[in-house]
Amino acid sequence: MGMTREEAREWFEEHIPTKIMPVAKRAYEIAIDALTPPTQEQVEKMWRGEWLDYRETSFGVPKRLCSRCGSGFIGFDTKFCENCGAPMTDEAVEMVMERWEALKDG
């Protein structure tokens, strides 16, 4: 049986004495943070990467490094780092946000 975020908040507030137990209050804050999906700004700040060190190989193919994991990539622009999965473009960030929204909505 699933529970919406709002139902989880109501249950926690009803059953956990956050006003008299500081540890319970912190647990409540952590639980609420876990139930709240990230904003687009948070996704961009925490996960978004960019291709660095653009140069061409001897065959004229671009070589780049991921700013998040430092993994090398030879080829043309991709939406995500093939090593760490970091979104590298605005379109990739939008795709991540759509996935989060789908998870949030159940």
PDB file of N, CA and C in Angstrom:
ATOM      1  N   MET A   1       0.844  -1.184   0.000  1.00  0.00           N
ATOM      2  CA  MET A   1       0.000   0.000   0.000  1.00  0.00           C
ATOM      3  C   MET A   1       0.884   1.239   0.000  1.00  0.00           C
ATOM      4  N   GLY A   2       0.653   2.127  -0.939  1.00  0.00           N
ATOM      5  CA  GLY A   2       1.442   3.334  -1.047  1.00  0.00           C
ATOM      6  C   GLY A   2       0.823   4.488  -0.275  1.00  0.00           C
ATOM      7  N   MET A   3       1.607   5.514  -0.136  1.00  0.00           N
ATOM      8  CA  MET A   3       1.178   6.679   0.611  1.00  0.00           C
ATOM      9  C   MET A   3       1.682   7.910  -0.133  1.00  0.00           C
ATOM     10  N   THR A   4       0.854   8.920  -0.266  1.00  0.00           N
ATOM     11  CA  THR A   4       1.307  10.149  -0.899  1.00  0.00           C
ATOM     12  C   THR A   4       2.233  10.891   0.049  1.00  0.00           C
ATOM     13  N   ARG A   5       2.971  11.862  -0.481  1.00  0.00           N
ATOM     14  CA  ARG A   5       3.836  12.671   0.384  1.00  0.00           C
ATOM     15  C   ARG A   5       3.030  13.375   1.449  1.00  0.00           C
ATOM     16  N   GLU A   6       1.871  13.910   1.054  1.00  0.00           N
ATOM     17  CA  GLU A   6       1.044  14.636   2.027  1.00  0.00           C
ATOM     18  C   GLU A   6       0.542  13.699   3.123  1.00  0.00           C
ATOM     19  N   GLU A   7       0.137  12.491   2.759  1.00  0.00           N
ATOM     20  CA  GLU A   7      -0.304  11.514   3.764  1.00  0.00           C
ATOM     21  C   GLU A   7       0.842  11.151   4.703  1.00  0.00           C
ATOM     22  N   ALA A   8       2.057  11.007   4.150  1.00  0.00           N
ATOM     23  CA  ALA A   8       3.221  10.695   4.976  1.00  0.00           C
ATOM     24  C   ALA A   8       3.514  11.832   5.949  1.00  0.00           C
ATOM     25  N   ARG A   9       3.423  13.067   5.464  1.00  0.00           N
ATOM     26  CA  ARG A   9       3.631  14.225   6.355  1.00  0.00           C
ATOM     27  C   ARG A   9       2.618  14.225   7.493  1.00  0.00           C
ATOM     28  N   GLU A  10       1.346  14.030   7.135  1.00  0.00           N
ATOM     29  CA  GLU A  10       0.290  14.032   8.158  1.00  0.00           C
ATOM     30  C   GLU A  10       0.506  12.916   9.172  1.00  0.00           C
ATOM     31  N   TRP A  11       0.874  11.707   8.689  1.00  0.00           N
ATOM     32  CA  TRP A  11       1.100  10.596   9.601  1.00  0.00           C
ATOM     33  C   TRP A  11       2.243  10.912  10.551  1.00  0.00           C
ATOM     34  N   PHE A  12       3.331  11.424  10.007  1.00  0.00           N
ATOM     35  CA  PHE A  12       4.505  11.722  10.828  1.00  0.00           C
ATOM     36  C   PHE A  12       4.159  12.771  11.886  1.00  0.00           C
ATOM     37  N   GLU A  13       3.471  13.828  11.482  1.00  0.00           N
ATOM     38  CA  GLU A  13       3.115  14.883  12.428  1.00  0.00           C
ATOM     39  C   GLU A  13       2.179  14.365  13.520  1.00  0.00           C
ATOM     40  N   GLU A  14       1.327  13.414  13.173  1.00  0.00           N
ATOM     41  CA  GLU A  14       0.370  12.868  14.136  1.00  0.00           C
ATOM     42  C   GLU A  14       1.013  11.876  15.102  1.00  0.00           C
ATOM     43  N   HIS A  15       1.997  11.104  14.638  1.00  0.00           N
ATOM     44  CA  HIS A  15       2.534  10.012  15.436  1.00  0.00           C
ATOM     45  C   HIS A  15       3.894  10.261  16.079  1.00  0.00           C
ATOM     46  N   ILE A  16       4.626  11.256  15.626  1.00  0.00           N
ATOM     47  CA  ILE A  16       5.967  11.495  16.161  1.00  0.00           C
ATOM     48  C   ILE A  16       5.975  12.823  16.916  1.00  0.00           C
ATOM     49  N   PRO A  17       6.356  12.786  18.198  1.00  0.00           N
ATOM     50  CA  PRO A  17       6.343  14.008  19.028  1.00  0.00           C
ATOM     51  C   PRO A  17       7.533  14.922  18.740  1.00  0.00           C
ATOM     52  N   THR A  18       7.491  15.620  17.615  1.00  0.00           N
ATOM     53  CA  THR A  18       8.625  16.452  17.230  1.00  0.00           C
ATOM     54  C   THR A  18       8.840  17.643  18.157  1.00  0.00           C
ATOM     55  N   LYS A  19       7.792  18.082  18.845  1.00  0.00           N
ATOM     56  CA  LYS A  19       7.947  19.256  19.716  1.00  0.00           C
ATOM     57  C   LYS A  19       8.722  18.947  20.978  1.00  0.00           C
ATOM     58  N   ILE A  20       8.693  17.697  21.433  1.00  0.00           N
ATOM     59  CA  ILE A  20       9.392  17.376  22.680  1.00  0.00           C
ATOM     60  C   ILE A  20      10.662  16.553  22.473  1.00  0.00           C
ATOM     61  N   MET A  21      10.882  16.080  21.241  1.00  0.00           N
ATOM     62  CA  MET A  21      12.063  15.256  20.986  1.00  0.00           C
ATOM     63  C   MET A  21      12.870  15.833  19.822  1.00  0.00           C
ATOM     64  N   PRO A  22      13.990  16.495  20.105  1.00  0.00           N
ATOM     65  CA  PRO A  22      14.795  17.081  19.035  1.00  0.00           C
ATOM     66  C   PRO A  22      15.233  16.057  17.982  1.00  0.00           C
ATOM     67  N   VAL A  23      15.537  14.834  18.397  1.00  0.00           N
ATOM     68  CA  VAL A  23      15.962  13.809  17.440  1.00  0.00           C
ATOM     69  C   VAL A  23      14.806  13.479  16.499  1.00  0.00           C
ATOM     70  N   ALA A  24      13.597  13.405  17.024  1.00  0.00           N
ATOM     71  CA  ALA A  24      12.425  13.128  16.185  1.00  0.00           C
ATOM     72  C   ALA A  24      12.198  14.278  15.212  1.00  0.00           C
ATOM     73  N   LYS A  25      12.431  15.510  15.670  1.00  0.00           N
ATOM     74  CA  LYS A  25      12.259  16.660  14.783  1.00  0.00           C
ATOM     75  C   LYS A  25      13.237  16.576  13.612  1.00  0.00           C
ATOM     76  N   ARG A  26      14.485  16.200  13.893  1.00  0.00           N
ATOM     77  CA  ARG A  26      15.477  16.079  12.817  1.00  0.00           C
ATOM     78  C   ARG A  26      15.110  14.924  11.879  1.00  0.00           C
ATOM     79  N   ALA A  27      14.628  13.819  12.437  1.00  0.00           N
ATOM     80  CA  ALA A  27      14.199  12.688  11.603  1.00  0.00           C
ATOM     81  C   ALA A  27      13.051  13.109  10.699  1.00  0.00           C
ATOM     82  N   TYR A  28      12.142  13.906  11.233  1.00  0.00           N
ATOM     83  CA  TYR A  28      11.023  14.413  10.442  1.00  0.00           C
ATOM     84  C   TYR A  28      11.533  15.269   9.283  1.00  0.00           C
ATOM     85  N   GLU A  29      12.471  16.161   9.563  1.00  0.00           N
ATOM     86  CA  GLU A  29      13.025  17.029   8.515  1.00  0.00           C
ATOM     87  C   GLU A  29      13.708  16.212   7.426  1.00  0.00           C
ATOM     88  N   ILE A  30      14.454  15.187   7.814  1.00  0.00           N
ATOM     89  CA  ILE A  30      15.127  14.327   6.837  1.00  0.00           C
ATOM     90  C   ILE A  30      14.102  13.583   5.990  1.00  0.00           C
ATOM     91  N   ALA A  31      13.056  13.070   6.645  1.00  0.00           N
ATOM     92  CA  ALA A  31      12.020  12.335   5.916  1.00  0.00           C
ATOM     93  C   ALA A  31      11.315  13.236   4.913  1.00  0.00           C
ATOM     94  N   ILE A  32      10.985  14.446   5.312  1.00  0.00           N
ATOM     95  CA  ILE A  32      10.305  15.378   4.405  1.00  0.00           C
ATOM     96  C   ILE A  32      11.218  15.735   3.236  1.00  0.00           C
ATOM     97  N   ASP A  33      12.510  15.961   3.507  1.00  0.00           N
ATOM     98  CA  ASP A  33      13.457  16.236   2.418  1.00  0.00           C
ATOM     99  C   ASP A  33      13.517  15.080   1.436  1.00  0.00           C
ATOM    100  N   ALA A  34      13.494  13.846   1.967  1.00  0.00           N
ATOM    101  CA  ALA A  34      13.557  12.663   1.098  1.00  0.00           C
ATOM    102  C   ALA A  34      12.295  12.523   0.255  1.00  0.00           C
ATOM    103  N   LEU A  35      11.173  13.000   0.758  1.00  0.00           N
ATOM    104  CA  LEU A  35       9.909  12.894   0.037  1.00  0.00           C
ATOM    105  C   LEU A  35       9.716  13.997  -0.992  1.00  0.00           C
ATOM    106  N   THR A  36      10.544  15.019  -0.933  1.00  0.00           N
ATOM    107  CA  THR A  36      10.405  16.156  -1.831  1.00  0.00           C
ATOM    108  C   THR A  36      11.368  16.013  -3.001  1.00  0.00           C
ATOM    109  N   PRO A  37      10.852  15.957  -4.222  1.00  0.00           N
ATOM    110  CA  PRO A  37      11.754  15.822  -5.368  1.00  0.00           C
ATOM    111  C   PRO A  37      12.588  17.085  -5.558  1.00  0.00           C
ATOM    112  N   PRO A  38      13.752  16.955  -6.193  1.00  0.00           N
ATOM    113  CA  PRO A  38      14.612  18.124  -6.389  1.00  0.00           C
ATOM    114  C   PRO A  38      14.021  19.088  -7.409  1.00  0.00           C
ATOM    115  N   THR A  39      14.419  20.327  -7.287  1.00  0.00           N
ATOM    116  CA  THR A  39      14.025  21.330  -8.273  1.00  0.00           C
ATOM    117  C   THR A  39      14.974  21.247  -9.460  1.00  0.00           C
ATOM    118  N   GLN A  40      14.624  21.900 -10.537  1.00  0.00           N
ATOM    119  CA  GLN A  40      15.499  21.911 -11.713  1.00  0.00           C
ATOM    120  C   GLN A  40      16.834  22.557 -11.366  1.00  0.00           C
ATOM    121  N   GLU A  41      16.804  23.598 -10.545  1.00  0.00           N
ATOM    122  CA  GLU A  41      18.049  24.250 -10.140  1.00  0.00           C
ATOM    123  C   GLU A  41      18.950  23.292  -9.373  1.00  0.00           C
ATOM    124  N   GLN A  42      18.342  22.468  -8.486  1.00  0.00           N
ATOM    125  CA  GLN A  42      19.129  21.507  -7.726  1.00  0.00           C
ATOM    126  C   GLN A  42      19.730  20.443  -8.637  1.00  0.00           C
ATOM    127  N   VAL A  43      18.947  19.985  -9.610  1.00  0.00           N
ATOM    128  CA  VAL A  43      19.468  18.995 -10.557  1.00  0.00           C
ATOM    129  C   VAL A  43      20.659  19.573 -11.295  1.00  0.00           C
ATOM    130  N   GLU A  44      20.517  20.805 -11.767  1.00  0.00           N
ATOM    131  CA  GLU A  44      21.614  21.425 -12.507  1.00  0.00           C
ATOM    132  C   GLU A  44      22.848  21.607 -11.634  1.00  0.00           C
ATOM    133  N   LYS A  45      22.640  22.013 -10.391  1.00  0.00           N
ATOM    134  CA  LYS A  45      23.768  22.267  -9.493  1.00  0.00           C
ATOM    135  C   LYS A  45      24.437  20.962  -9.060  1.00  0.00           C
ATOM    136  N   MET A  46      23.626  19.947  -8.712  1.00  0.00           N
ATOM    137  CA  MET A  46      24.194  18.714  -8.172  1.00  0.00           C
ATOM    138  C   MET A  46      24.706  17.765  -9.240  1.00  0.00           C
ATOM    139  N   TRP A  47      24.013  17.666 -10.370  1.00  0.00           N
ATOM    140  CA  TRP A  47      24.319  16.601 -11.310  1.00  0.00           C
ATOM    141  C   TRP A  47      24.794  17.055 -12.668  1.00  0.00           C
ATOM    142  N   ARG A  48      24.438  18.229 -13.086  1.00  0.00           N
ATOM    143  CA  ARG A  48      24.771  18.621 -14.452  1.00  0.00           C
ATOM    144  C   ARG A  48      26.276  18.731 -14.640  1.00  0.00           C
ATOM    145  N   GLY A  49      26.724  18.247 -15.758  1.00  0.00           N
ATOM    146  CA  GLY A  49      28.131  18.350 -16.109  1.00  0.00           C
ATOM    147  C   GLY A  49      28.280  19.103 -17.415  1.00  0.00           C
ATOM    148  N   GLU A  50      29.502  19.223 -17.846  1.00  0.00           N
ATOM    149  CA  GLU A  50      29.757  19.823 -19.158  1.00  0.00           C
ATOM    150  C   GLU A  50      31.017  19.182 -19.709  1.00  0.00           C
ATOM    151  N   TRP A  51      31.122  19.204 -21.023  1.00  0.00           N
ATOM    152  CA  TRP A  51      32.307  18.649 -21.665  1.00  0.00           C
ATOM    153  C   TRP A  51      33.436  19.671 -21.612  1.00  0.00           C
ATOM    154  N   LEU A  52      34.610  19.257 -21.171  1.00  0.00           N
ATOM    155  CA  LEU A  52      35.780  20.128 -21.032  1.00  0.00           C
ATOM    156  C   LEU A  52      36.904  19.673 -21.962  1.00  0.00           C
ATOM    157  N   ASP A  53      37.911  20.506 -22.093  1.00  0.00           N
ATOM    158  CA  ASP A  53      39.124  20.199 -22.840  1.00  0.00           C
ATOM    159  C   ASP A  53      38.839  19.757 -24.264  1.00  0.00           C
ATOM    160  N   TYR A  54      38.095  20.537 -24.954  1.00  0.00           N
ATOM    161  CA  TYR A  54      37.807  20.218 -26.347  1.00  0.00           C
ATOM    162  C   TYR A  54      39.095  20.267 -27.150  1.00  0.00           C
ATOM    163  N   ARG A  55      39.347  19.201 -27.827  1.00  0.00           N
ATOM    164  CA  ARG A  55      40.463  19.142 -28.777  1.00  0.00           C
ATOM    165  C   ARG A  55      40.156  18.020 -29.762  1.00  0.00           C
ATOM    166  N   GLU A  56      40.844  18.017 -30.855  1.00  0.00           N
ATOM    167  CA  GLU A  56      40.598  16.991 -31.864  1.00  0.00           C
ATOM    168  C   GLU A  56      41.697  15.946 -31.826  1.00  0.00           C
ATOM    169  N   THR A  57      41.306  14.700 -32.049  1.00  0.00           N
ATOM    170  CA  THR A  57      42.281  13.624 -32.157  1.00  0.00           C
ATOM    171  C   THR A  57      42.969  13.746 -33.519  1.00  0.00           C
ATOM    172  N   SER A  58      43.910  12.887 -33.768  1.00  0.00           N
ATOM    173  CA  SER A  58      44.615  12.945 -35.058  1.00  0.00           C
ATOM    174  C   SER A  58      43.684  12.650 -36.232  1.00  0.00           C
ATOM    175  N   PHE A  59      42.527  12.076 -35.953  1.00  0.00           N
ATOM    176  CA  PHE A  59      41.553  11.792 -37.005  1.00  0.00           C
ATOM    177  C   PHE A  59      40.489  12.881 -37.125  1.00  0.00           C
ATOM    178  N   GLY A  60      40.637  13.959 -36.371  1.00  0.00           N
ATOM    179  CA  GLY A  60      39.697  15.068 -36.436  1.00  0.00           C
ATOM    180  C   GLY A  60      38.420  14.860 -35.626  1.00  0.00           C
ATOM    181  N   VAL A  61      38.423  13.851 -34.747  1.00  0.00           N
ATOM    182  CA  VAL A  61      37.250  13.578 -33.906  1.00  0.00           C
ATOM    183  C   VAL A  61      37.445  14.324 -32.588  1.00  0.00           C
ATOM    184  N   PRO A  62      36.408  15.029 -32.095  1.00  0.00           N
ATOM    185  CA  PRO A  62      36.565  15.770 -30.844  1.00  0.00           C
ATOM    186  C   PRO A  62      36.797  14.858 -29.643  1.00  0.00           C
ATOM    187  N   LYS A  63      37.644  15.310 -28.724  1.00  0.00           N
ATOM    188  CA  LYS A  63      37.873  14.600 -27.470  1.00  0.00           C
ATOM    189  C   LYS A  63      37.523  15.531 -26.336  1.00  0.00           C
ATOM    190  N   ARG A  64      36.723  15.029 -25.393  1.00  0.00           N
ATOM    191  CA  ARG A  64      36.261  15.849 -24.277  1.00  0.00           C
ATOM    192  C   ARG A  64      36.404  15.089 -22.970  1.00  0.00           C
ATOM    193  N   LEU A  65      36.371  15.833 -21.873  1.00  0.00           N
ATOM    194  CA  LEU A  65      36.370  15.249 -20.540  1.00  0.00           C
ATOM    195  C   LEU A  65      35.124  15.708 -19.807  1.00  0.00           C
ATOM    196  N   CYS A  66      34.514  14.802 -19.046  1.00  0.00           N
ATOM    197  CA  CYS A  66      33.330  15.143 -18.252  1.00  0.00           C
ATOM    198  C   CYS A  66      33.763  15.962 -17.032  1.00  0.00           C
ATOM    199  N   SER A  67      33.089  17.070 -16.782  1.00  0.00           N
ATOM    200  CA  SER A  67      33.435  17.915 -15.631  1.00  0.00           C
ATOM    201  C   SER A  67      33.044  17.264 -14.305  1.00  0.00           C
ATOM    202  N   ARG A  68      32.142  16.290 -14.312  1.00  0.00           N
ATOM    203  CA  ARG A  68      31.703  15.627 -13.075  1.00  0.00           C
ATOM    204  C   ARG A  68      32.621  14.490 -12.666  1.00  0.00           C
ATOM    205  N   CYS A  69      33.006  13.632 -13.619  1.00  0.00           N
ATOM    206  CA  CYS A  69      33.783  12.441 -13.256  1.00  0.00           C
ATOM    207  C   CYS A  69      35.170  12.411 -13.876  1.00  0.00           C
ATOM    208  N   GLY A  70      35.442  13.302 -14.839  1.00  0.00           N
ATOM    209  CA  GLY A  70      36.754  13.357 -15.472  1.00  0.00           C
ATOM    210  C   GLY A  70      36.970  12.300 -16.536  1.00  0.00           C
ATOM    211  N   SER A  71      35.939  11.528 -16.824  1.00  0.00           N
ATOM    212  CA  SER A  71      36.061  10.478 -17.823  1.00  0.00           C
ATOM    213  C   SER A  71      36.232  11.075 -19.211  1.00  0.00           C
ATOM    214  N   GLY A  72      37.092  10.474 -19.999  1.00  0.00           N
ATOM    215  CA  GLY A  72      37.307  10.940 -21.360  1.00  0.00           C
ATOM    216  C   GLY A  72      36.241  10.424 -22.299  1.00  0.00           C
ATOM    217  N   PHE A  73      35.953  11.189 -23.318  1.00  0.00           N
ATOM    218  CA  PHE A  73      34.940  10.823 -24.297  1.00  0.00           C
ATOM    219  C   PHE A  73      35.441  11.258 -25.662  1.00  0.00           C
ATOM    220  N   ILE A  74      35.440  10.344 -26.592  1.00  0.00           N
ATOM    221  CA  ILE A  74      35.827  10.690 -27.953  1.00  0.00           C
ATOM    222  C   ILE A  74      34.594  10.542 -28.818  1.00  0.00           C
ATOM    223  N   GLY A  75      34.220  11.591 -29.491  1.00  0.00           N
ATOM    224  CA  GLY A  75      33.044  11.557 -30.341  1.00  0.00           C
ATOM    225  C   GLY A  75      32.351  12.892 -30.323  1.00  0.00           C
ATOM    226  N   PHE A  76      31.116  12.882 -30.725  1.00  0.00           N
ATOM    227  CA  PHE A  76      30.347  14.112 -30.798  1.00  0.00           C
ATOM    228  C   PHE A  76      29.488  14.252 -29.548  1.00  0.00           C
ATOM    229  N   ASP A  77      28.905  15.429 -29.360  1.00  0.00           N
ATOM    230  CA  ASP A  77      28.146  15.703 -28.141  1.00  0.00           C
ATOM    231  C   ASP A  77      27.105  14.628 -27.861  1.00  0.00           C
ATOM    232  N   THR A  78      27.019  14.235 -26.595  1.00  0.00           N
ATOM    233  CA  THR A  78      25.967  13.353 -26.128  1.00  0.00           C
ATOM    234  C   THR A  78      25.218  14.068 -25.016  1.00  0.00           C
ATOM    235  N   LYS A  79      24.017  13.639 -24.750  1.00  0.00           N
ATOM    236  CA  LYS A  79      23.193  14.289 -23.732  1.00  0.00           C
ATOM    237  C   LYS A  79      23.642  13.946 -22.317  1.00  0.00           C
ATOM    238  N   PHE A  80      24.206  12.738 -22.152  1.00  0.00           N
ATOM    239  CA  PHE A  80      24.631  12.268 -20.836  1.00  0.00           C
ATOM    240  C   PHE A  80      26.065  11.746 -20.928  1.00  0.00           C
ATOM    241  N   CYS A  81      26.809  11.866 -19.816  1.00  0.00           N
ATOM    242  CA  CYS A  81      28.144  11.268 -19.752  1.00  0.00           C
ATOM    243  C   CYS A  81      27.964   9.749 -19.778  1.00  0.00           C
ATOM    244  N   GLU A  82      28.719   9.085 -20.617  1.00  0.00           N
ATOM    245  CA  GLU A  82      28.600   7.634 -20.723  1.00  0.00           C
ATOM    246  C   GLU A  82      29.167   6.922 -19.501  1.00  0.00           C
ATOM    247  N   ASN A  83      29.983   7.603 -18.700  1.00  0.00           N
ATOM    248  CA  ASN A  83      30.582   6.978 -17.527  1.00  0.00           C
ATOM    249  C   ASN A  83      29.739   7.185 -16.265  1.00  0.00           C
ATOM    250  N   CYS A  84      29.400   8.439 -15.942  1.00  0.00           N
ATOM    251  CA  CYS A  84      28.700   8.713 -14.677  1.00  0.00           C
ATOM    252  C   CYS A  84      27.218   9.042 -14.855  1.00  0.00           C
ATOM    253  N   GLY A  85      26.782   9.255 -16.090  1.00  0.00           N
ATOM    254  CA  GLY A  85      25.373   9.531 -16.342  1.00  0.00           C
ATOM    255  C   GLY A  85      24.948  10.971 -16.124  1.00  0.00           C
ATOM    256  N   ALA A  86      25.890  11.858 -15.878  1.00  0.00           N
ATOM    257  CA  ALA A  86      25.548  13.267 -15.646  1.00  0.00           C
ATOM    258  C   ALA A  86      24.880  13.864 -16.883  1.00  0.00           C
ATOM    259  N   PRO A  87      23.773  14.613 -16.680  1.00  0.00           N
ATOM    260  CA  PRO A  87      23.166  15.296 -17.824  1.00  0.00           C
ATOM    261  C   PRO A  87      24.085  16.423 -18.281  1.00  0.00           C
ATOM    262  N   MET A  88      24.284  16.511 -19.601  1.00  0.00           N
ATOM    263  CA  MET A  88      25.238  17.475 -20.136  1.00  0.00           C
ATOM    264  C   MET A  88      24.600  18.608 -20.921  1.00  0.00           C
ATOM    265  N   THR A  89      23.314  18.503 -21.185  1.00  0.00           N
ATOM    266  CA  THR A  89      22.630  19.522 -21.980  1.00  0.00           C
ATOM    267  C   THR A  89      21.340  19.929 -21.283  1.00  0.00           C
ATOM    268  N   ASP A  90      20.767  21.044 -21.728  1.00  0.00           N
ATOM    269  CA  ASP A  90      19.471  21.465 -21.187  1.00  0.00           C
ATOM    270  C   ASP A  90      18.419  20.389 -21.423  1.00  0.00           C
ATOM    271  N   GLU A  91      18.476  19.775 -22.592  1.00  0.00           N
ATOM    272  CA  GLU A  91      17.516  18.718 -22.916  1.00  0.00           C
ATOM    273  C   GLU A  91      17.657  17.531 -21.954  1.00  0.00           C
ATOM    274  N   ALA A  92      18.888  17.181 -21.604  1.00  0.00           N
ATOM    275  CA  ALA A  92      19.129  16.077 -20.675  1.00  0.00           C
ATOM    276  C   ALA A  92      18.607  16.412 -19.278  1.00  0.00           C
ATOM    277  N   VAL A  93      18.796  17.652 -18.842  1.00  0.00           N
ATOM    278  CA  VAL A  93      18.271  18.074 -17.538  1.00  0.00           C
ATOM    279  C   VAL A  93      16.749  17.961 -17.543  1.00  0.00           C
ATOM    280  N   GLU A  94      16.107  18.372 -18.630  1.00  0.00           N
ATOM    281  CA  GLU A  94      14.647  18.252 -18.745  1.00  0.00           C
ATOM    282  C   GLU A  94      14.214  16.793 -18.666  1.00  0.00           C
ATOM    283  N   MET A  95      14.976  15.898 -19.291  1.00  0.00           N
ATOM    284  CA  MET A  95      14.653  14.475 -19.245  1.00  0.00           C
ATOM    285  C   MET A  95      14.723  13.956 -17.810  1.00  0.00           C
ATOM    286  N   VAL A  96      15.741  14.387 -17.059  1.00  0.00           N
ATOM    287  CA  VAL A  96      15.869  13.983 -15.650  1.00  0.00           C
ATOM    288  C   VAL A  96      14.688  14.503 -14.851  1.00  0.00           C
ATOM    289  N   MET A  97      14.312  15.757 -15.082  1.00  0.00           N
ATOM    290  CA  MET A  97      13.179  16.341 -14.358  1.00  0.00           C
ATOM    291  C   MET A  97      11.878  15.580 -14.675  1.00  0.00           C
ATOM    292  N   GLU A  98      11.679  15.195 -15.925  1.00  0.00           N
ATOM    293  CA  GLU A  98      10.482  14.427 -16.284  1.00  0.00           C
ATOM    294  C   GLU A  98      10.458  13.089 -15.565  1.00  0.00           C
ATOM    295  N   ARG A  99      11.616  12.456 -15.437  1.00  0.00           N
ATOM    296  CA  ARG A  99      11.684  11.174 -14.711  1.00  0.00           C
ATOM    297  C   ARG A  99      11.346  11.370 -13.240  1.00  0.00           C
ATOM    298  N   TRP A 100      11.878  12.437 -12.633  1.00  0.00           N
ATOM    299  CA  TRP A 100      11.572  12.725 -11.232  1.00  0.00           C
ATOM    300  C   TRP A 100      10.077  12.971 -11.046  1.00  0.00           C
ATOM    301  N   GLU A 101       9.485  13.731 -11.959  1.00  0.00           N
ATOM    302  CA  GLU A 101       8.047  14.021 -11.872  1.00  0.00           C
ATOM    303  C   GLU A 101       7.242  12.733 -11.977  1.00  0.00           C
ATOM    304  N   ALA A 102       7.642  11.836 -12.871  1.00  0.00           N
ATOM    305  CA  ALA A 102       6.938  10.560 -13.027  1.00  0.00           C
ATOM    306  C   ALA A 102       7.042   9.733 -11.743  1.00  0.00           C
ATOM    307  N   LEU A 103       8.213   9.722 -11.113  1.00  0.00           N
ATOM    308  CA  LEU A 103       8.378   8.996  -9.846  1.00  0.00           C
ATOM    309  C   LEU A 103       7.528   9.636  -8.753  1.00  0.00           C
ATOM    310  N   LYS A 104       7.542  10.955  -8.715  1.00  0.00           N
ATOM    311  CA  LYS A 104       6.799  11.682  -7.686  1.00  0.00           C
ATOM    312  C   LYS A 104       5.303  11.413  -7.802  1.00  0.00           C
ATOM    313  N   ASP A 105       4.808  11.379  -9.030  1.00  0.00           N
ATOM    314  CA  ASP A 105       3.381  11.196  -9.248  1.00  0.00           C
ATOM    315  C   ASP A 105       2.952   9.743  -9.152  1.00  0.00           C
ATOM    316  N   GLY A 106       3.909   8.850  -9.008  1.00  0.00           N
ATOM    317  CA  GLY A 106       3.585   7.445  -8.805  1.00  0.00           C
ATOM    318  C   GLY A 106       3.353   6.725 -10.084  1.00  0.00           C
TER     319      GLY A 106
END
